[in-house]
Amino acid sequence: MISATVPVLTTARLTLRAPCREDFGRYATLLASERSRGIGGPAERPAAWSRFAAELGHWVLRGYGLWAVDVTETGETVGQVGFWHPEGWSEVEIGWMMFDGGEGKGYAHEAALAARAHAYEDWGWGPLTSVIAPGNRRSEALARRLGAWPEREWSTPGGARTVIWRHPGREALA
């Protein structure tokens, strides 16, 4: 049996946990929408399933991945935040995607801070990146709020034009 241990992280309002099959509906809805342009969408449900499965497989293959983000008080799943490092990428990315109704409440910021702190403090990682499509203003604003800055343009192995945003290292955050 293949398995992975996914740590549970908590913040004042959120629980970051392993994604599960029940999360797929909201995930597929996001990937089918125009809001997913900055993350490779829109995508039909079968393609969304393949991507969802790949993200779960990241935990097994790399030992890290994206967490499902729940509002602790209600149990509502509002998005995903965590780490992504597919084949052909030179560095680990900290990324985020919020489901419909999960934006504009500071959830992505709170979850990204918790994930980044976990990576720096518990895993001993160095500075992270975020890969953001040009013009994705909401992601650019969140990256800035996290202290990141645009470092350079980069094309993914699939040819998508992006900008690498560099996060401060743990020393700078201490």
Protein backbone atom coordinates (compact mmCIF):
# COMPACT_ATOMS: atom_id res chain seq x y z
CA MET A 1 0.00 0.00 0.00
CA ILE A 2 1.22 3.48 -0.85
CA SER A 3 0.60 6.10 1.80
CA ALA A 4 1.71 9.50 2.89
CA THR A 5 1.52 11.31 6.17
CA VAL A 6 0.03 14.75 5.75
CA PRO A 7 0.54 16.98 8.78
CA VAL A 8 -2.46 18.93 10.03
CA LEU A 9 -1.78 22.63 10.54
CA THR A 10 -4.03 24.99 12.47
CA THR A 11 -4.32 28.75 12.67
CA ALA A 12 -6.67 31.03 14.56
CA ARG A 13 -9.47 30.36 12.03
CA LEU A 14 -8.32 27.53 9.78
CA THR A 15 -7.42 23.86 9.65
CA LEU A 16 -5.09 22.72 6.87
CA ARG A 17 -5.59 18.99 6.25
CA ALA A 18 -5.09 16.30 3.66
CA PRO A 19 -7.42 16.70 0.67
CA CYS A 20 -10.00 13.95 0.26
CA ARG A 21 -12.41 12.73 -2.41
CA GLU A 22 -15.22 14.86 -0.98
CA ASP A 23 -13.21 18.00 -1.85
CA PHE A 24 -13.24 17.20 -5.55
CA GLY A 25 -16.62 18.79 -6.37
CA ARG A 26 -15.57 22.29 -5.31
CA TYR A 27 -12.16 21.76 -6.90
CA ALA A 28 -13.72 20.76 -10.24
CA THR A 29 -16.08 23.74 -10.10
CA LEU A 30 -13.13 26.10 -9.64
CA LEU A 31 -11.15 24.51 -12.48
CA ALA A 32 -14.16 24.74 -14.81
CA SER A 33 -14.48 28.49 -14.20
CA GLU A 34 -12.74 31.45 -15.79
CA ARG A 35 -11.18 32.14 -12.37
CA SER A 36 -8.83 29.20 -13.02
CA ARG A 37 -7.04 30.88 -15.97
CA GLY A 38 -4.03 31.68 -13.80
CA ILE A 39 -3.64 28.03 -12.74
CA GLY A 40 -4.00 26.29 -16.09
CA GLY A 41 -7.78 26.24 -16.50
CA PRO A 42 -10.51 26.21 -17.41
CA ALA A 43 -10.60 22.44 -17.43
CA GLU A 44 -13.37 19.91 -17.85
CA ARG A 45 -14.16 17.49 -15.04
CA PRO A 46 -11.98 14.56 -16.28
CA ALA A 47 -8.93 16.83 -16.59
CA ALA A 48 -9.70 18.33 -13.18
CA TRP A 49 -9.78 14.81 -11.72
CA SER A 50 -6.34 14.04 -13.20
CA ARG A 51 -4.91 17.22 -11.76
CA PHE A 52 -6.55 16.63 -8.36
CA ALA A 53 -5.06 13.12 -8.29
CA ALA A 54 -1.63 14.49 -9.27
CA GLU A 55 -1.78 16.99 -6.42
CA LEU A 56 -2.63 14.20 -3.97
CA GLY A 57 0.19 12.11 -5.41
CA HIS A 58 2.60 14.92 -4.66
CA TRP A 59 2.38 13.99 -0.98
CA VAL A 60 3.53 10.44 -1.79
CA LEU A 61 6.18 11.31 -4.39
CA ARG A 62 7.67 14.45 -2.82
CA GLY A 63 6.59 14.27 0.83
CA TYR A 64 4.71 17.56 0.59
CA GLY A 65 1.82 19.04 -1.35
CA LEU A 66 -1.32 21.10 -1.12
CA TRP A 67 -3.54 21.09 1.93
CA ALA A 68 -7.30 21.48 1.88
CA VAL A 69 -8.17 24.62 3.83
CA ASP A 70 -11.18 24.40 6.15
CA VAL A 71 -12.76 27.12 8.25
CA THR A 72 -12.40 25.42 11.62
CA GLU A 73 -15.61 26.81 13.11
CA THR A 74 -17.89 25.65 10.27
CA GLY A 75 -15.91 22.87 8.57
CA GLU A 76 -16.40 24.58 5.19
CA THR A 77 -13.59 23.83 2.74
CA VAL A 78 -12.60 27.16 1.19
CA GLY A 79 -9.59 26.27 -0.95
CA GLN A 80 -6.15 24.73 -1.16
CA VAL A 81 -2.77 26.07 -0.09
CA GLY A 82 0.60 24.40 -0.06
CA PHE A 83 3.55 23.26 -2.10
CA TRP A 84 3.92 22.28 -5.72
CA HIS A 85 7.05 21.09 -7.49
CA PRO A 86 6.21 19.20 -10.68
CA GLU A 87 8.78 17.65 -12.97
CA GLY A 88 10.75 20.31 -14.82
CA TRP A 89 10.46 23.01 -12.16
CA SER A 90 13.70 24.10 -10.51
CA GLU A 91 12.22 25.08 -7.15
CA VAL A 92 9.35 24.42 -4.79
CA GLU A 93 6.41 26.77 -5.15
CA ILE A 94 4.03 27.83 -2.42
CA GLY A 95 0.67 28.25 -4.10
CA TRP A 96 -2.96 28.88 -3.33
CA MET A 97 -6.36 28.54 -4.92
CA MET A 98 -9.54 29.61 -3.20
CA PHE A 99 -12.93 28.19 -4.01
CA ASP A 100 -15.99 30.31 -4.72
CA GLY A 101 -16.88 32.19 -1.54
CA GLY A 102 -13.43 31.69 -0.01
CA GLU A 103 -11.82 34.82 -1.43
CA GLY A 104 -11.58 38.23 0.19
CA LYS A 105 -11.59 36.96 3.78
CA GLY A 106 -7.86 36.61 4.37
CA TYR A 107 -8.01 32.81 4.35
CA ALA A 108 -5.35 32.36 1.65
CA HIS A 109 -2.99 34.73 3.49
CA GLU A 110 -3.51 33.02 6.83
CA ALA A 111 -3.08 29.54 5.35
CA ALA A 112 -0.02 30.51 3.28
CA LEU A 113 1.65 32.01 6.35
CA ALA A 114 1.05 28.75 8.26
CA ALA A 115 2.31 26.58 5.38
CA ARG A 116 5.41 28.73 4.86
CA ALA A 117 6.19 28.75 8.59
CA HIS A 118 5.85 24.96 8.65
CA ALA A 119 8.23 24.61 5.69
CA TYR A 120 10.82 26.91 7.23
CA GLU A 121 10.57 25.84 10.88
CA ASP A 122 9.75 22.13 10.65
CA TRP A 123 11.31 21.13 7.34
CA GLY A 124 14.24 23.56 7.35
CA TRP A 125 13.55 24.85 3.85
CA GLY A 126 15.04 28.01 2.43
CA PRO A 127 13.27 30.80 0.57
CA LEU A 128 10.26 29.68 -1.44
CA THR A 129 8.84 30.90 -4.71
CA SER A 130 5.36 31.50 -6.04
CA VAL A 131 4.76 31.08 -9.77
CA ILE A 132 2.13 33.61 -10.86
CA ALA A 133 0.63 34.21 -14.28
CA PRO A 134 1.08 37.80 -15.46
CA GLY A 135 -2.03 39.82 -14.72
CA ASN A 136 -3.27 37.59 -11.88
CA ARG A 137 -3.71 40.65 -9.67
CA ARG A 138 -5.23 38.82 -6.69
CA SER A 139 -2.29 36.39 -6.49
CA GLU A 140 0.21 39.20 -7.00
CA ALA A 141 -1.41 41.15 -4.15
CA LEU A 142 -1.31 38.12 -1.86
CA ALA A 143 2.34 37.46 -2.74
CA ARG A 144 3.16 41.09 -1.86
CA ARG A 145 1.24 40.78 1.40
CA LEU A 146 3.38 37.71 2.19
CA GLY A 147 6.52 39.81 1.61
CA ALA A 148 7.38 38.28 -1.79
CA TRP A 149 8.62 40.26 -4.77
CA PRO A 150 8.73 39.61 -8.53
CA GLU A 151 12.14 38.13 -9.27
CA ARG A 152 12.07 37.11 -12.93
CA GLU A 153 9.95 35.96 -15.83
CA TRP A 154 9.84 32.23 -16.46
CA SER A 155 8.14 29.86 -18.89
CA THR A 156 6.88 26.59 -17.47
CA PRO A 157 7.88 23.33 -19.18
CA GLY A 158 4.44 23.47 -20.81
CA GLY A 159 5.22 26.90 -22.26
CA ALA A 160 3.06 29.09 -20.00
CA ARG A 161 4.56 32.52 -19.40
CA THR A 162 4.79 33.28 -15.67
CA VAL A 163 6.62 35.40 -13.12
CA ILE A 164 8.63 33.88 -10.28
CA TRP A 165 7.93 35.67 -7.01
CA ARG A 166 10.58 35.19 -4.30
CA HIS A 167 9.50 34.88 -0.66
CA PRO A 168 11.74 36.10 2.15
CA GLY A 169 13.78 33.39 3.85
CA ARG A 170 13.21 32.36 7.44
CA GLU A 171 16.11 34.56 8.58
CA ALA A 172 14.36 37.63 7.19
CA LEU A 173 11.13 36.68 8.96
CA ALA A 174 12.71 36.08 12.37
